[in-house]
Amino acid sequence: MTETGEVRLEKQPRVPMSRSTRLVLIGFLVLLVVLGAGNLLSGYLQFRSFTASQRQASQVTEQKLCATLVSLATLKPPTGSGVDNPSRLYEQKLAAKLAELSTDIECQAAQ
């Protein structure tokens, strides 16, 4: 410490690394880079696989939903006046909405 209170650090001599130490450090760095790249590649491949399976599952669900909606839309409500029987009017409106729904979501079988 100097008279003004400053701390002075003395420069210590630099110890050279041996050749084997350098090779080990370089090896670790190369291993680190290779493992990092492998990790990135593995994550990318898992992501691609997951999105492909999700896409396939959504297509199957869409096909099932469309098949159900089309079959419901083909059902005809009971005929008769809705004024005389309010439940018949409800069923007629429900059948009309189901027919609209299958065309609104663009089911291929409905067209």
PDB file of N, CA and C in Angstrom:
ATOM      1  N   MET A   1       0.838  -1.152   0.000  1.00  0.00           N
ATOM      2  CA  MET A   1       0.000   0.000   0.000  1.00  0.00           C
ATOM      3  C   MET A   1       0.901   1.237   0.000  1.00  0.00           C
ATOM      4  N   THR A   2       0.456   2.259  -0.728  1.00  0.00           N
ATOM      5  CA  THR A   2       1.251   3.492  -0.796  1.00  0.00           C
ATOM      6  C   THR A   2       0.791   4.445   0.302  1.00  0.00           C
ATOM      7  N   GLU A   3       1.486   5.584   0.363  1.00  0.00           N
ATOM      8  CA  GLU A   3       1.166   6.565   1.395  1.00  0.00           C
ATOM      9  C   GLU A   3      -0.234   7.149   1.209  1.00  0.00           C
ATOM     10  N   THR A   4      -0.759   7.183  -0.024  1.00  0.00           N
ATOM     11  CA  THR A   4      -2.095   7.746  -0.274  1.00  0.00           C
ATOM     12  C   THR A   4      -3.197   6.709  -0.060  1.00  0.00           C
ATOM     13  N   GLY A   5      -2.866   5.504   0.253  1.00  0.00           N
ATOM     14  CA  GLY A   5      -3.849   4.460   0.516  1.00  0.00           C
ATOM     15  C   GLY A   5      -4.165   3.597  -0.693  1.00  0.00           C
ATOM     16  N   GLU A   6      -3.474   3.828  -1.786  1.00  0.00           N
ATOM     17  CA  GLU A   6      -3.728   3.023  -2.978  1.00  0.00           C
ATOM     18  C   GLU A   6      -3.031   1.677  -2.849  1.00  0.00           C
ATOM     19  N   VAL A   7      -3.678   0.679  -3.378  1.00  0.00           N
ATOM     20  CA  VAL A   7      -3.092  -0.646  -3.365  1.00  0.00           C
ATOM     21  C   VAL A   7      -2.447  -0.886  -4.713  1.00  0.00           C
ATOM     22  N   ARG A   8      -1.210  -1.251  -4.704  1.00  0.00           N
ATOM     23  CA  ARG A   8      -0.513  -1.553  -5.952  1.00  0.00           C
ATOM     24  C   ARG A   8      -0.298  -3.042  -6.040  1.00  0.00           C
ATOM     25  N   LEU A   9      -0.686  -3.544  -7.155  1.00  0.00           N
ATOM     26  CA  LEU A   9      -0.481  -4.966  -7.388  1.00  0.00           C
ATOM     27  C   LEU A   9       0.814  -5.149  -8.150  1.00  0.00           C
ATOM     28  N   GLU A  10       1.590  -6.026  -7.671  1.00  0.00           N
ATOM     29  CA  GLU A  10       2.829  -6.308  -8.377  1.00  0.00           C
ATOM     30  C   GLU A  10       2.537  -7.308  -9.475  1.00  0.00           C
ATOM     31  N   LYS A  11       3.129  -7.090 -10.610  1.00  0.00           N
ATOM     32  CA  LYS A  11       2.960  -8.020 -11.706  1.00  0.00           C
ATOM     33  C   LYS A  11       3.716  -9.293 -11.393  1.00  0.00           C
ATOM     34  N   GLN A  12       2.962 -10.378 -11.488  1.00  0.00           N
ATOM     35  CA  GLN A  12       3.610 -11.648 -11.239  1.00  0.00           C
ATOM     36  C   GLN A  12       4.069 -12.203 -12.575  1.00  0.00           C
ATOM     37  N   PRO A  13       5.145 -12.927 -12.539  1.00  0.00           N
ATOM     38  CA  PRO A  13       5.643 -13.474 -13.798  1.00  0.00           C
ATOM     39  C   PRO A  13       4.642 -14.474 -14.372  1.00  0.00           C
ATOM     40  N   ARG A  14       4.507 -14.441 -15.682  1.00  0.00           N
ATOM     41  CA  ARG A  14       3.579 -15.337 -16.372  1.00  0.00           C
ATOM     42  C   ARG A  14       4.206 -16.720 -16.496  1.00  0.00           C
ATOM     43  N   VAL A  15       3.437 -17.714 -16.059  1.00  0.00           N
ATOM     44  CA  VAL A  15       3.948 -19.079 -16.124  1.00  0.00           C
ATOM     45  C   VAL A  15       3.491 -19.673 -17.452  1.00  0.00           C
ATOM     46  N   PRO A  16       4.410 -20.096 -18.272  1.00  0.00           N
ATOM     47  CA  PRO A  16       4.011 -20.664 -19.563  1.00  0.00           C
ATOM     48  C   PRO A  16       3.349 -22.030 -19.372  1.00  0.00           C
ATOM     49  N   MET A  17       2.362 -22.303 -20.256  1.00  0.00           N
ATOM     50  CA  MET A  17       1.694 -23.602 -20.201  1.00  0.00           C
ATOM     51  C   MET A  17       2.511 -24.621 -20.973  1.00  0.00           C
ATOM     52  N   SER A  18       2.471 -25.820 -20.490  1.00  0.00           N
ATOM     53  CA  SER A  18       3.189 -26.875 -21.200  1.00  0.00           C
ATOM     54  C   SER A  18       2.365 -27.277 -22.426  1.00  0.00           C
ATOM     55  N   ARG A  19       2.976 -27.982 -23.319  1.00  0.00           N
ATOM     56  CA  ARG A  19       2.336 -28.418 -24.563  1.00  0.00           C
ATOM     57  C   ARG A  19       1.158 -29.346 -24.261  1.00  0.00           C
ATOM     58  N   SER A  20       1.330 -30.235 -23.317  1.00  0.00           N
ATOM     59  CA  SER A  20       0.248 -31.177 -22.991  1.00  0.00           C
ATOM     60  C   SER A  20      -0.952 -30.446 -22.397  1.00  0.00           C
ATOM     61  N   THR A  21      -0.706 -29.418 -21.596  1.00  0.00           N
ATOM     62  CA  THR A  21      -1.803 -28.637 -21.025  1.00  0.00           C
ATOM     63  C   THR A  21      -2.569 -27.915 -22.118  1.00  0.00           C
ATOM     64  N   ARG A  22      -1.866 -27.354 -23.078  1.00  0.00           N
ATOM     65  CA  ARG A  22      -2.515 -26.682 -24.211  1.00  0.00           C
ATOM     66  C   ARG A  22      -3.359 -27.662 -25.007  1.00  0.00           C
ATOM     67  N   LEU A  23      -2.820 -28.849 -25.253  1.00  0.00           N
ATOM     68  CA  LEU A  23      -3.565 -29.849 -26.020  1.00  0.00           C
ATOM     69  C   LEU A  23      -4.824 -30.297 -25.282  1.00  0.00           C
ATOM     70  N   VAL A  24      -4.729 -30.442 -23.979  1.00  0.00           N
ATOM     71  CA  VAL A  24      -5.904 -30.827 -23.190  1.00  0.00           C
ATOM     72  C   VAL A  24      -6.957 -29.722 -23.248  1.00  0.00           C
ATOM     73  N   LEU A  25      -6.558 -28.473 -23.101  1.00  0.00           N
ATOM     74  CA  LEU A  25      -7.503 -27.362 -23.173  1.00  0.00           C
ATOM     75  C   LEU A  25      -8.154 -27.266 -24.551  1.00  0.00           C
ATOM     76  N   ILE A  26      -7.358 -27.428 -25.586  1.00  0.00           N
ATOM     77  CA  ILE A  26      -7.897 -27.401 -26.946  1.00  0.00           C
ATOM     78  C   ILE A  26      -8.870 -28.566 -27.142  1.00  0.00           C
ATOM     79  N   GLY A  27      -8.502 -29.718 -26.625  1.00  0.00           N
ATOM     80  CA  GLY A  27      -9.396 -30.877 -26.713  1.00  0.00           C
ATOM     81  C   GLY A  27     -10.723 -30.628 -26.021  1.00  0.00           C
ATOM     82  N   PHE A  28     -10.675 -30.027 -24.840  1.00  0.00           N
ATOM     83  CA  PHE A  28     -11.916 -29.708 -24.131  1.00  0.00           C
ATOM     84  C   PHE A  28     -12.760 -28.706 -24.906  1.00  0.00           C
ATOM     85  N   LEU A  29     -12.132 -27.710 -25.492  1.00  0.00           N
ATOM     86  CA  LEU A  29     -12.876 -26.725 -26.272  1.00  0.00           C
ATOM     87  C   LEU A  29     -13.517 -27.364 -27.506  1.00  0.00           C
ATOM     88  N   VAL A  30     -12.769 -28.235 -28.175  1.00  0.00           N
ATOM     89  CA  VAL A  30     -13.325 -28.926 -29.344  1.00  0.00           C
ATOM     90  C   VAL A  30     -14.491 -29.809 -28.907  1.00  0.00           C
ATOM     91  N   LEU A  31     -14.332 -30.530 -27.805  1.00  0.00           N
ATOM     92  CA  LEU A  31     -15.395 -31.378 -27.291  1.00  0.00           C
ATOM     93  C   LEU A  31     -16.629 -30.543 -26.937  1.00  0.00           C
ATOM     94  N   LEU A  32     -16.418 -29.393 -26.338  1.00  0.00           N
ATOM     95  CA  LEU A  32     -17.516 -28.506 -25.975  1.00  0.00           C
ATOM     96  C   LEU A  32     -18.276 -28.046 -27.213  1.00  0.00           C
ATOM     97  N   VAL A  33     -17.568 -27.670 -28.254  1.00  0.00           N
ATOM     98  CA  VAL A  33     -18.205 -27.219 -29.492  1.00  0.00           C
ATOM     99  C   VAL A  33     -18.968 -28.368 -30.149  1.00  0.00           C
ATOM    100  N   VAL A  34     -18.368 -29.548 -30.196  1.00  0.00           N
ATOM    101  CA  VAL A  34     -19.023 -30.702 -30.819  1.00  0.00           C
ATOM    102  C   VAL A  34     -20.283 -31.086 -30.044  1.00  0.00           C
ATOM    103  N   LEU A  35     -20.202 -31.126 -28.726  1.00  0.00           N
ATOM    104  CA  LEU A  35     -21.382 -31.458 -27.921  1.00  0.00           C
ATOM    105  C   LEU A  35     -22.473 -30.400 -28.057  1.00  0.00           C
ATOM    106  N   GLY A  36     -22.096 -29.143 -28.116  1.00  0.00           N
ATOM    107  CA  GLY A  36     -23.080 -28.073 -28.314  1.00  0.00           C
ATOM    108  C   GLY A  36     -23.777 -28.187 -29.655  1.00  0.00           C
ATOM    109  N   ALA A  37     -23.006 -28.452 -30.703  1.00  0.00           N
ATOM    110  CA  ALA A  37     -23.595 -28.616 -32.037  1.00  0.00           C
ATOM    111  C   ALA A  37     -24.505 -29.842 -32.073  1.00  0.00           C
ATOM    112  N   GLY A  38     -24.076 -30.922 -31.438  1.00  0.00           N
ATOM    113  CA  GLY A  38     -24.916 -32.125 -31.372  1.00  0.00           C
ATOM    114  C   GLY A  38     -26.212 -31.871 -30.627  1.00  0.00           C
ATOM    115  N   ASN A  39     -26.131 -31.103 -29.563  1.00  0.00           N
ATOM    116  CA  ASN A  39     -27.322 -30.755 -28.795  1.00  0.00           C
ATOM    117  C   ASN A  39     -28.287 -29.923 -29.637  1.00  0.00           C
ATOM    118  N   LEU A  40     -27.770 -28.952 -30.370  1.00  0.00           N
ATOM    119  CA  LEU A  40     -28.619 -28.137 -31.239  1.00  0.00           C
ATOM    120  C   LEU A  40     -29.270 -28.987 -32.320  1.00  0.00           C
ATOM    121  N   LEU A  41     -28.507 -29.862 -32.926  1.00  0.00           N
ATOM    122  CA  LEU A  41     -29.041 -30.733 -33.971  1.00  0.00           C
ATOM    123  C   LEU A  41     -30.113 -31.666 -33.409  1.00  0.00           C
ATOM    124  N   SER A  42     -29.861 -32.233 -32.253  1.00  0.00           N
ATOM    125  CA  SER A  42     -30.830 -33.120 -31.621  1.00  0.00           C
ATOM    126  C   SER A  42     -32.127 -32.373 -31.304  1.00  0.00           C
ATOM    127  N   GLY A  43     -32.030 -31.185 -30.776  1.00  0.00           N
ATOM    128  CA  GLY A  43     -33.218 -30.382 -30.478  1.00  0.00           C
ATOM    129  C   GLY A  43     -34.000 -30.043 -31.732  1.00  0.00           C
ATOM    130  N   TYR A  44     -33.299 -29.711 -32.799  1.00  0.00           N
ATOM    131  CA  TYR A  44     -33.954 -29.392 -34.072  1.00  0.00           C
ATOM    132  C   TYR A  44     -34.691 -30.607 -34.616  1.00  0.00           C
ATOM    133  N   LEU A  45     -34.059 -31.770 -34.579  1.00  0.00           N
ATOM    134  CA  LEU A  45     -34.696 -32.985 -35.098  1.00  0.00           C
ATOM    135  C   LEU A  45     -35.906 -33.380 -34.260  1.00  0.00           C
ATOM    136  N   GLN A  46     -35.828 -33.213 -32.948  1.00  0.00           N
ATOM    137  CA  GLN A  46     -36.972 -33.513 -32.096  1.00  0.00           C
ATOM    138  C   GLN A  46     -38.126 -32.555 -32.381  1.00  0.00           C
ATOM    139  N   PHE A  47     -37.801 -31.291 -32.596  1.00  0.00           N
ATOM    140  CA  PHE A  47     -38.823 -30.297 -32.915  1.00  0.00           C
ATOM    141  C   PHE A  47     -39.516 -30.643 -34.230  1.00  0.00           C
ATOM    142  N   ARG A  48     -38.741 -31.007 -35.241  1.00  0.00           N
ATOM    143  CA  ARG A  48     -39.328 -31.378 -36.538  1.00  0.00           C
ATOM    144  C   ARG A  48     -40.227 -32.589 -36.399  1.00  0.00           C
ATOM    145  N   SER A  49     -39.781 -33.579 -35.649  1.00  0.00           N
ATOM    146  CA  SER A  49     -40.568 -34.789 -35.448  1.00  0.00           C
ATOM    147  C   SER A  49     -41.862 -34.465 -34.709  1.00  0.00           C
ATOM    148  N   PHE A  50     -41.774 -33.619 -33.706  1.00  0.00           N
ATOM    149  CA  PHE A  50     -42.953 -33.251 -32.915  1.00  0.00           C
ATOM    150  C   PHE A  50     -43.956 -32.495 -33.770  1.00  0.00           C
ATOM    151  N   THR A  51     -43.498 -31.530 -34.559  1.00  0.00           N
ATOM    152  CA  THR A  51     -44.425 -30.752 -35.382  1.00  0.00           C
ATOM    153  C   THR A  51     -45.060 -31.625 -36.460  1.00  0.00           C
ATOM    154  N   ALA A  52     -44.309 -32.572 -37.004  1.00  0.00           N
ATOM    155  CA  ALA A  52     -44.881 -33.469 -38.010  1.00  0.00           C
ATOM    156  C   ALA A  52     -45.964 -34.342 -37.390  1.00  0.00           C
ATOM    157  N   SER A  53     -45.720 -34.862 -36.192  1.00  0.00           N
ATOM    158  CA  SER A  53     -46.729 -35.702 -35.541  1.00  0.00           C
ATOM    159  C   SER A  53     -47.943 -34.876 -35.141  1.00  0.00           C
ATOM    160  N   GLN A  54     -47.740 -33.629 -34.726  1.00  0.00           N
ATOM    161  CA  GLN A  54     -48.858 -32.760 -34.386  1.00  0.00           C
ATOM    162  C   GLN A  54     -49.694 -32.446 -35.623  1.00  0.00           C
ATOM    163  N   ARG A  55     -49.021 -32.208 -36.741  1.00  0.00           N
ATOM    164  CA  ARG A  55     -49.724 -31.926 -37.991  1.00  0.00           C
ATOM    165  C   ARG A  55     -50.578 -33.130 -38.395  1.00  0.00           C
ATOM    166  N   GLN A  56     -50.008 -34.317 -38.290  1.00  0.00           N
ATOM    167  CA  GLN A  56     -50.729 -35.535 -38.649  1.00  0.00           C
ATOM    168  C   GLN A  56     -51.923 -35.748 -37.716  1.00  0.00           C
ATOM    169  N   ALA A  57     -51.727 -35.530 -36.432  1.00  0.00           N
ATOM    170  CA  ALA A  57     -52.818 -35.702 -35.469  1.00  0.00           C
ATOM    171  C   ALA A  57     -53.937 -34.694 -35.728  1.00  0.00           C
ATOM    172  N   SER A  58     -53.595 -33.471 -36.079  1.00  0.00           N
ATOM    173  CA  SER A  58     -54.627 -32.466 -36.348  1.00  0.00           C
ATOM    174  C   SER A  58     -55.396 -32.799 -37.617  1.00  0.00           C
ATOM    175  N   GLN A  59     -54.732 -33.379 -38.616  1.00  0.00           N
ATOM    176  CA  GLN A  59     -55.432 -33.779 -39.832  1.00  0.00           C
ATOM    177  C   GLN A  59     -56.419 -34.912 -39.552  1.00  0.00           C
ATOM    178  N   VAL A  60     -56.019 -35.878 -38.723  1.00  0.00           N
ATOM    179  CA  VAL A  60     -56.914 -36.981 -38.368  1.00  0.00           C
ATOM    180  C   VAL A  60     -58.121 -36.445 -37.606  1.00  0.00           C
ATOM    181  N   THR A  61     -57.887 -35.535 -36.659  1.00  0.00           N
ATOM    182  CA  THR A  61     -58.981 -34.951 -35.888  1.00  0.00           C
ATOM    183  C   THR A  61     -59.921 -34.165 -36.791  1.00  0.00           C
ATOM    184  N   GLU A  62     -59.353 -33.416 -37.731  1.00  0.00           N
ATOM    185  CA  GLU A  62     -60.181 -32.647 -38.661  1.00  0.00           C
ATOM    186  C   GLU A  62     -61.044 -33.568 -39.511  1.00  0.00           C
ATOM    187  N   GLN A  63     -60.480 -34.663 -39.980  1.00  0.00           N
ATOM    188  CA  GLN A  63     -61.243 -35.610 -40.787  1.00  0.00           C
ATOM    189  C   GLN A  63     -62.395 -36.215 -39.981  1.00  0.00           C
ATOM    190  N   LYS A  64     -62.134 -36.579 -38.731  1.00  0.00           N
ATOM    191  CA  LYS A  64     -63.188 -37.146 -37.888  1.00  0.00           C
ATOM    192  C   LYS A  64     -64.283 -36.121 -37.612  1.00  0.00           C
ATOM    193  N   LEU A  65     -63.875 -34.888 -37.322  1.00  0.00           N
ATOM    194  CA  LEU A  65     -64.844 -33.830 -37.051  1.00  0.00           C
ATOM    195  C   LEU A  65     -65.703 -33.555 -38.273  1.00  0.00           C
ATOM    196  N   CYS A  66     -65.074 -33.485 -39.430  1.00  0.00           N
ATOM    197  CA  CYS A  66     -65.827 -33.235 -40.654  1.00  0.00           C
ATOM    198  C   CYS A  66     -66.782 -34.386 -40.954  1.00  0.00           C
ATOM    199  N   ALA A  67     -66.345 -35.608 -40.753  1.00  0.00           N
ATOM    200  CA  ALA A  67     -67.228 -36.752 -41.003  1.00  0.00           C
ATOM    201  C   ALA A  67     -68.438 -36.705 -40.084  1.00  0.00           C
ATOM    202  N   THR A  68     -68.233 -36.338 -38.834  1.00  0.00           N
ATOM    203  CA  THR A  68     -69.345 -36.251 -37.888  1.00  0.00           C
ATOM    204  C   THR A  68     -70.285 -35.114 -38.260  1.00  0.00           C
ATOM    205  N   LEU A  69     -69.731 -33.959 -38.598  1.00  0.00           N
ATOM    206  CA  LEU A  69     -70.577 -32.817 -38.951  1.00  0.00           C
ATOM    207  C   LEU A  69     -71.374 -33.072 -40.216  1.00  0.00           C
ATOM    208  N   VAL A  70     -70.761 -33.717 -41.187  1.00  0.00           N
ATOM    209  CA  VAL A  70     -71.466 -34.004 -42.430  1.00  0.00           C
ATOM    210  C   VAL A  70     -72.588 -35.002 -42.175  1.00  0.00           C
ATOM    211  N   SER A  71     -72.312 -36.018 -41.351  1.00  0.00           N
ATOM    212  CA  SER A  71     -73.373 -36.983 -41.062  1.00  0.00           C
ATOM    213  C   SER A  71     -74.508 -36.334 -40.275  1.00  0.00           C
ATOM    214  N   LEU A  72     -74.194 -35.389 -39.385  1.00  0.00           N
ATOM    215  CA  LEU A  72     -75.246 -34.675 -38.657  1.00  0.00           C
ATOM    216  C   LEU A  72     -76.022 -33.739 -39.584  1.00  0.00           C
ATOM    217  N   ALA A  73     -75.326 -33.141 -40.536  1.00  0.00           N
ATOM    218  CA  ALA A  73     -75.987 -32.211 -41.449  1.00  0.00           C
ATOM    219  C   ALA A  73     -76.920 -32.938 -42.409  1.00  0.00           C
ATOM    220  N   THR A  74     -76.655 -34.197 -42.689  1.00  0.00           N
ATOM    221  CA  THR A  74     -77.521 -34.946 -43.596  1.00  0.00           C
ATOM    222  C   THR A  74     -78.801 -35.416 -42.925  1.00  0.00           C
ATOM    223  N   LEU A  75     -78.825 -35.412 -41.596  1.00  0.00           N
ATOM    224  CA  LEU A  75     -80.058 -35.778 -40.894  1.00  0.00           C
ATOM    225  C   LEU A  75     -81.105 -34.692 -41.127  1.00  0.00           C
ATOM    226  N   LYS A  76     -82.281 -35.120 -41.436  1.00  0.00           N
ATOM    227  CA  LYS A  76     -83.358 -34.154 -41.691  1.00  0.00           C
ATOM    228  C   LYS A  76     -84.207 -34.015 -40.430  1.00  0.00           C
ATOM    229  N   PRO A  77     -84.537 -32.780 -40.072  1.00  0.00           N
ATOM    230  CA  PRO A  77     -85.386 -32.581 -38.892  1.00  0.00           C
ATOM    231  C   PRO A  77     -86.817 -33.031 -39.194  1.00  0.00           C
ATOM    232  N   PRO A  78     -87.592 -33.273 -38.168  1.00  0.00           N
ATOM    233  CA  PRO A  78     -88.971 -33.672 -38.403  1.00  0.00           C
ATOM    234  C   PRO A  78     -89.759 -32.562 -39.106  1.00  0.00           C
ATOM    235  N   THR A  79     -90.611 -32.974 -39.998  1.00  0.00           N
ATOM    236  CA  THR A  79     -91.421 -31.988 -40.733  1.00  0.00           C
ATOM    237  C   THR A  79     -92.575 -31.540 -39.861  1.00  0.00           C
ATOM    238  N   GLY A  80     -93.138 -30.472 -40.247  1.00  0.00           N
ATOM    239  CA  GLY A  80     -94.288 -29.950 -39.513  1.00  0.00           C
ATOM    240  C   GLY A  80     -94.059 -28.517 -39.113  1.00  0.00           C
ATOM    241  N   SER A  81     -95.064 -27.932 -38.588  1.00  0.00           N
ATOM    242  CA  SER A  81     -95.026 -26.531 -38.212  1.00  0.00           C
ATOM    243  C   SER A  81     -94.300 -26.355 -36.879  1.00  0.00           C
ATOM    244  N   GLY A  82     -93.433 -25.390 -36.844  1.00  0.00           N
ATOM    245  CA  GLY A  82     -92.727 -25.075 -35.612  1.00  0.00           C
ATOM    246  C   GLY A  82     -93.594 -24.287 -34.648  1.00  0.00           C
ATOM    247  N   VAL A  83     -94.681 -23.702 -35.171  1.00  0.00           N
ATOM    248  CA  VAL A  83     -95.584 -22.927 -34.323  1.00  0.00           C
ATOM    249  C   VAL A  83     -96.364 -23.877 -33.416  1.00  0.00           C
ATOM    250  N   ASP A  84     -96.790 -25.014 -33.979  1.00  0.00           N
ATOM    251  CA  ASP A  84     -97.555 -25.979 -33.192  1.00  0.00           C
ATOM    252  C   ASP A  84     -96.683 -26.727 -32.189  1.00  0.00           C
ATOM    253  N   ASN A  85     -95.413 -26.941 -32.555  1.00  0.00           N
ATOM    254  CA  ASN A  85     -94.518 -27.726 -31.700  1.00  0.00           C
ATOM    255  C   ASN A  85     -93.177 -26.988 -31.593  1.00  0.00           C
ATOM    256  N   PRO A  86     -92.938 -26.253 -30.513  1.00  0.00           N
ATOM    257  CA  PRO A  86     -91.686 -25.478 -30.375  1.00  0.00           C
ATOM    258  C   PRO A  86     -90.423 -26.347 -30.418  1.00  0.00           C
ATOM    259  N   SER A  87     -90.484 -27.577 -29.946  1.00  0.00           N
ATOM    260  CA  SER A  87     -89.294 -28.425 -29.994  1.00  0.00           C
ATOM    261  C   SER A  87     -88.950 -28.799 -31.423  1.00  0.00           C
ATOM    262  N   ARG A  88     -89.974 -28.902 -32.288  1.00  0.00           N
ATOM    263  CA  ARG A  88     -89.738 -29.189 -33.703  1.00  0.00           C
ATOM    264  C   ARG A  88     -89.038 -27.998 -34.361  1.00  0.00           C
ATOM    265  N   LEU A  89     -89.424 -26.791 -33.996  1.00  0.00           N
ATOM    266  CA  LEU A  89     -88.772 -25.592 -34.523  1.00  0.00           C
ATOM    267  C   LEU A  89     -87.306 -25.551 -34.097  1.00  0.00           C
ATOM    268  N   TYR A  90     -87.060 -25.916 -32.828  1.00  0.00           N
ATOM    269  CA  TYR A  90     -85.678 -25.964 -32.325  1.00  0.00           C
ATOM    270  C   TYR A  90     -84.855 -26.969 -33.130  1.00  0.00           C
ATOM    271  N   GLU A  91     -85.399 -28.145 -33.381  1.00  0.00           N
ATOM    272  CA  GLU A  91     -84.677 -29.166 -34.142  1.00  0.00           C
ATOM    273  C   GLU A  91     -84.420 -28.726 -35.577  1.00  0.00           C
ATOM    274  N   GLN A  92     -85.375 -28.022 -36.171  1.00  0.00           N
ATOM    275  CA  GLN A  92     -85.199 -27.528 -37.534  1.00  0.00           C
ATOM    276  C   GLN A  92     -84.080 -26.487 -37.596  1.00  0.00           C
ATOM    277  N   LYS A  93     -84.065 -25.589 -36.610  1.00  0.00           N
ATOM    278  CA  LYS A  93     -83.001 -24.578 -36.558  1.00  0.00           C
ATOM    279  C   LYS A  93     -81.640 -25.217 -36.287  1.00  0.00           C
ATOM    280  N   LEU A  94     -81.625 -26.221 -35.424  1.00  0.00           N
ATOM    281  CA  LEU A  94     -80.388 -26.917 -35.109  1.00  0.00           C
ATOM    282  C   LEU A  94     -79.829 -27.625 -36.344  1.00  0.00           C
ATOM    283  N   ALA A  95     -80.680 -28.270 -37.115  1.00  0.00           N
ATOM    284  CA  ALA A  95     -80.240 -28.949 -38.335  1.00  0.00           C
ATOM    285  C   ALA A  95     -79.693 -27.946 -39.346  1.00  0.00           C
ATOM    286  N   ALA A  96     -80.312 -26.791 -39.436  1.00  0.00           N
ATOM    287  CA  ALA A  96     -79.835 -25.754 -40.363  1.00  0.00           C
ATOM    288  C   ALA A  96     -78.454 -25.242 -39.931  1.00  0.00           C
ATOM    289  N   LYS A  97     -78.263 -25.044 -38.626  1.00  0.00           N
ATOM    290  CA  LYS A  97     -76.958 -24.577 -38.132  1.00  0.00           C
ATOM    291  C   LYS A  97     -75.866 -25.623 -38.353  1.00  0.00           C
ATOM    292  N   LEU A  98     -76.170 -26.885 -38.159  1.00  0.00           N
ATOM    293  CA  LEU A  98     -75.181 -27.940 -38.393  1.00  0.00           C
ATOM    294  C   LEU A  98     -74.786 -28.003 -39.865  1.00  0.00           C
ATOM    295  N   ALA A  99     -75.750 -27.804 -40.744  1.00  0.00           N
ATOM    296  CA  ALA A  99     -75.447 -27.793 -42.179  1.00  0.00           C
ATOM    297  C   ALA A  99     -74.542 -26.608 -42.519  1.00  0.00           C
ATOM    298  N   GLU A 100     -74.807 -25.465 -41.899  1.00  0.00           N
ATOM    299  CA  GLU A 100     -73.958 -24.285 -42.120  1.00  0.00           C
ATOM    300  C   GLU A 100     -72.550 -24.505 -41.571  1.00  0.00           C
ATOM    301  N   LEU A 101     -72.469 -25.121 -40.402  1.00  0.00           N
ATOM    302  CA  LEU A 101     -71.181 -25.317 -39.754  1.00  0.00           C
ATOM    303  C   LEU A 101     -70.253 -26.197 -40.589  1.00  0.00           C
ATOM    304  N   SER A 102     -70.776 -27.261 -41.143  1.00  0.00           N
ATOM    305  CA  SER A 102     -69.921 -28.159 -41.931  1.00  0.00           C
ATOM    306  C   SER A 102     -69.378 -27.471 -43.180  1.00  0.00           C
ATOM    307  N   THR A 103     -70.157 -26.551 -43.761  1.00  0.00           N
ATOM    308  CA  THR A 103     -69.641 -25.814 -44.919  1.00  0.00           C
ATOM    309  C   THR A 103     -68.744 -24.666 -44.475  1.00  0.00           C
ATOM    310  N   ASP A 104     -69.023 -24.068 -43.298  1.00  0.00           N
ATOM    311  CA  ASP A 104     -68.195 -22.949 -42.813  1.00  0.00           C
ATOM    312  C   ASP A 104     -66.756 -23.370 -42.522  1.00  0.00           C
ATOM    313  N   ILE A 105     -66.561 -24.575 -41.999  1.00  0.00           N
ATOM    314  CA  ILE A 105     -65.192 -25.011 -41.705  1.00  0.00           C
ATOM    315  C   ILE A 105     -64.583 -25.761 -42.894  1.00  0.00           C
ATOM    316  N   GLU A 106     -65.272 -25.681 -44.017  1.00  0.00           N
ATOM    317  CA  GLU A 106     -64.766 -26.181 -45.299  1.00  0.00           C
ATOM    318  C   GLU A 106     -64.447 -27.663 -45.263  1.00  0.00           C
ATOM    319  N   CYS A 107     -65.383 -28.450 -44.767  1.00  0.00           N
ATOM    320  CA  CYS A 107     -65.226 -29.894 -44.825  1.00  0.00           C
ATOM    321  C   CYS A 107     -65.372 -30.343 -46.272  1.00  0.00           C
ATOM    322  N   GLN A 108     -64.444 -31.160 -46.735  1.00  0.00           N
ATOM    323  CA  GLN A 108     -64.447 -31.586 -48.126  1.00  0.00           C
ATOM    324  C   GLN A 108     -65.674 -32.415 -48.470  1.00  0.00           C
ATOM    325  N   ALA A 109     -66.129 -33.263 -47.541  1.00  0.00           N
ATOM    326  CA  ALA A 109     -67.268 -34.134 -47.824  1.00  0.00           C
ATOM    327  C   ALA A 109     -68.573 -33.362 -47.878  1.00  0.00           C
ATOM    328  N   ALA A 110     -68.612 -32.163 -47.290  1.00  0.00           N
ATOM    329  CA  ALA A 110     -69.837 -31.396 -47.254  1.00  0.00           C
ATOM    330  C   ALA A 110     -70.086 -30.669 -48.565  1.00  0.00           C
ATOM    331  N   GLN A 111     -69.084 -30.526 -49.382  1.00  0.00           N
ATOM    332  CA  GLN A 111     -69.220 -29.757 -50.613  1.00  0.00           C
ATOM    333  C   GLN A 111     -69.580 -30.629 -51.781  1.00  0.00           C
TER     334      GLN A 111
END
